[in-house]
C-alpha atoms as a PDB file:
ATOM      1  CA  MET A   1      13.655  12.277  -1.411  1.00  0.00           C
ATOM      2  CA  GLY A   2      14.439   9.043   0.361  1.00  0.00           C
ATOM      3  CA  LEU A   3      11.491   6.845  -0.577  1.00  0.00           C
ATOM      4  CA  PRO A   4      11.893   3.292   0.732  1.00  0.00           C
ATOM      5  CA  ILE A   5      11.938   0.692  -2.019  1.00  0.00           C
ATOM      6  CA  ALA A   6      12.284  -2.397   0.197  1.00  0.00           C
ATOM      7  CA  PHE A   7      12.482  -3.286   3.873  1.00  0.00           C
ATOM      8  CA  ALA A   8      12.500  -6.389   6.046  1.00  0.00           C
ATOM      9  CA  LEU A   9      10.831  -6.512   9.412  1.00  0.00           C
ATOM     10  CA  THR A  10      12.619  -8.604  12.036  1.00  0.00           C
ATOM     11  CA  GLY A  11      12.230  -9.182  15.727  1.00  0.00           C
ATOM     12  CA  GLY A  12      13.809  -6.845  18.233  1.00  0.00           C
ATOM     13  CA  GLU A  13      16.311  -9.440  19.402  1.00  0.00           C
ATOM     14  CA  VAL A  14      17.587 -10.185  15.877  1.00  0.00           C
ATOM     15  CA  SER A  15      20.958  -8.783  14.834  1.00  0.00           C
ATOM     16  CA  ASP A  16      20.761  -5.806  12.460  1.00  0.00           C
ATOM     17  CA  PHE A  17      22.687  -7.363   9.601  1.00  0.00           C
ATOM     18  CA  LYS A  18      20.249 -10.307   9.324  1.00  0.00           C
ATOM     19  CA  GLY A  19      17.843  -8.031   7.424  1.00  0.00           C
ATOM     20  CA  TYR A  20      20.435  -7.118   4.813  1.00  0.00           C
ATOM     21  CA  LEU A  21      20.003 -10.087   2.443  1.00  0.00           C
ATOM     22  CA  PRO A  22      16.175  -9.968   2.256  1.00  0.00           C
ATOM     23  CA  VAL A  23      16.311  -6.277   1.353  1.00  0.00           C
ATOM     24  CA  MET A  24      19.122  -6.672  -1.178  1.00  0.00           C
ATOM     25  CA  ASN A  25      17.374  -9.651  -2.832  1.00  0.00           C
ATOM     26  CA  ALA A  26      14.108  -7.722  -3.249  1.00  0.00           C
ATOM     27  CA  GLY A  27      14.661  -7.374  -7.011  1.00  0.00           C
ATOM     28  CA  ARG A  28      15.346  -3.689  -7.439  1.00  0.00           C
ATOM     29  CA  PRO A  29      18.323  -1.681  -8.730  1.00  0.00           C
ATOM     30  CA  ALA A  30      21.571  -2.021  -6.800  1.00  0.00           C
ATOM     31  CA  PRO A  31      22.292   0.930  -4.496  1.00  0.00           C
ATOM     32  CA  LYS A  32      25.304   3.145  -5.037  1.00  0.00           C
ATOM     33  CA  VAL A  33      25.678   3.903  -1.314  1.00  0.00           C
ATOM     34  CA  LEU A  34      24.575   1.854   1.686  1.00  0.00           C
ATOM     35  CA  LEU A  35      23.963   3.920   4.805  1.00  0.00           C
ATOM     36  CA  GLY A  36      23.864   1.836   7.955  1.00  0.00           C
ATOM     37  CA  GLY A  37      24.602   1.917  11.641  1.00  0.00           C
ATOM     38  CA  LYS A  38      27.374   0.089  13.444  1.00  0.00           C
ATOM     39  CA  GLY A  39      25.194  -3.015  13.578  1.00  0.00           C
ATOM     40  CA  TYR A  40      25.764  -3.435   9.830  1.00  0.00           C
ATOM     41  CA  ASP A  41      29.566  -3.369  10.148  1.00  0.00           C
ATOM     42  CA  VAL A  42      30.323  -6.890   8.925  1.00  0.00           C
ATOM     43  CA  ASP A  43      32.748  -7.927   6.210  1.00  0.00           C
ATOM     44  CA  PHE A  44      30.247  -9.664   3.926  1.00  0.00           C
ATOM     45  CA  ILE A  45      28.123  -6.515   3.599  1.00  0.00           C
ATOM     46  CA  ARG A  46      31.137  -4.402   2.665  1.00  0.00           C
ATOM     47  CA  GLN A  47      32.297  -7.028   0.152  1.00  0.00           C
ATOM     48  CA  ASP A  48      28.814  -7.380  -1.350  1.00  0.00           C
ATOM     49  CA  MET A  49      28.557  -3.635  -1.869  1.00  0.00           C
ATOM     50  CA  GLU A  50      31.918  -3.624  -3.660  1.00  0.00           C
ATOM     51  CA  ILE A  51      30.711  -6.418  -5.944  1.00  0.00           C
ATOM     52  CA  LEU A  52      27.530  -4.461  -6.710  1.00  0.00           C
ATOM     53  CA  GLY A  53      29.562  -1.379  -7.634  1.00  0.00           C
ATOM     54  CA  GLY A  54      28.650   0.731  -4.623  1.00  0.00           C
ATOM     55  CA  PHE A  55      30.202   1.451  -1.273  1.00  0.00           C
ATOM     56  CA  ALA A  56      29.101   1.020   2.315  1.00  0.00           C
ATOM     57  CA  MET A  57      28.993   4.152   4.441  1.00  0.00           C
ATOM     58  CA  ILE A  58      28.983   2.377   7.799  1.00  0.00           C
ATOM     59  CA  PRO A  59      30.843   3.530  10.907  1.00  0.00           C
ATOM     60  CA  THR A  60      33.216   0.842  12.123  1.00  0.00           C
ATOM     61  CA  LYS A  61      32.804  -0.885  15.458  1.00  0.00           C
ATOM     62  CA  ARG A  62      35.351  -0.133  18.137  1.00  0.00           C
ATOM     63  CA  ASN A  63      36.725  -3.659  18.099  1.00  0.00           C
ATOM     64  CA  ARG A  64      37.887  -3.440  14.441  1.00  0.00           C
ATOM     65  CA  LEU A  65      41.636  -3.251  14.072  1.00  0.00           C
ATOM     66  CA  ILE A  66      41.441  -0.905  11.089  1.00  0.00           C
ATOM     67  CA  GLN A  67      39.025   1.975  11.602  1.00  0.00           C
ATOM     68  CA  LEU A  68      37.576   3.058   8.246  1.00  0.00           C
ATOM     69  CA  PRO A  69      36.674   6.725   7.693  1.00  0.00           C
ATOM     70  CA  VAL A  70      33.070   7.861   7.255  1.00  0.00           C
ATOM     71  CA  ASP A  71      32.048  10.917   5.249  1.00  0.00           C
ATOM     72  CA  SER A  72      29.910  12.806   7.748  1.00  0.00           C
ATOM     73  CA  ALA A  73      28.056  14.768   5.031  1.00  0.00           C
ATOM     74  CA  ILE A  74      26.875  11.579   3.314  1.00  0.00           C
ATOM     75  CA  TYR A  75      26.228   9.752   6.600  1.00  0.00           C
ATOM     76  CA  ALA A  76      24.005  12.633   7.751  1.00  0.00           C
ATOM     77  CA  LEU A  77      21.509  11.549   5.072  1.00  0.00           C
ATOM     78  CA  ARG A  78      20.840   8.442   7.180  1.00  0.00           C
ATOM     79  CA  ASN A  79      18.334  10.439   9.206  1.00  0.00           C
ATOM     80  CA  MET A  80      15.864  10.006   6.314  1.00  0.00           C
ATOM     81  CA  VAL A  81      15.534   6.347   7.311  1.00  0.00           C
ATOM     82  CA  GLY A  82      14.756   7.335  10.879  1.00  0.00           C
ATOM     83  CA  ARG A  83      12.203   9.903   9.720  1.00  0.00           C
ATOM     84  CA  CYS A  84      10.508   7.294   7.502  1.00  0.00           C
ATOM     85  CA  PHE A  85      10.087   4.873  10.424  1.00  0.00           C
ATOM     86  CA  ASN A  86       8.896   7.732  12.629  1.00  0.00           C
ATOM     87  CA  LYS A  87       6.120   8.512  10.133  1.00  0.00           C
ATOM     88  CA  LEU A  88       5.111   4.851   9.969  1.00  0.00           C
ATOM     89  CA  LYS A  89       4.992   4.581  13.760  1.00  0.00           C
ATOM     90  CA  ASN A  90       3.005   7.791  14.158  1.00  0.00           C
ATOM     91  CA  ALA A  91       0.505   6.649  11.538  1.00  0.00           C
ATOM     92  CA  ARG A  92       0.041   3.387  13.508  1.00  0.00           C
ATOM     93  CA  ARG A  93       0.839   1.334  10.424  1.00  0.00           C
ATOM     94  CA  LEU A  94       3.773  -0.400  12.093  1.00  0.00           C
ATOM     95  CA  ALA A  95       3.498  -2.289  15.360  1.00  0.00           C
ATOM     96  CA  THR A  96       6.438  -1.367  17.567  1.00  0.00           C
ATOM     97  CA  ARG A  97       5.707  -3.571  20.584  1.00  0.00           C
END
């Protein structure tokens, strides 16, 4: 149930989508669905997911001319990522400062 298979650690001032390519190039099966926050709403991520045969479930930023719909039932599964990082932080295995 939501086991991480790859992740990239970046600095706090780095844009969210900069960690996308290291994770996707980690040499594992292509995902069917990409769950991400608004920080991942860039065209190349959406196009890459289409090429890989999946789709990106990412809420669109307010400044996009065409607002794409998000399935709230699927997007609710994104909390598993937050719970995973919470467990890592509480176990003191991940420096957060």
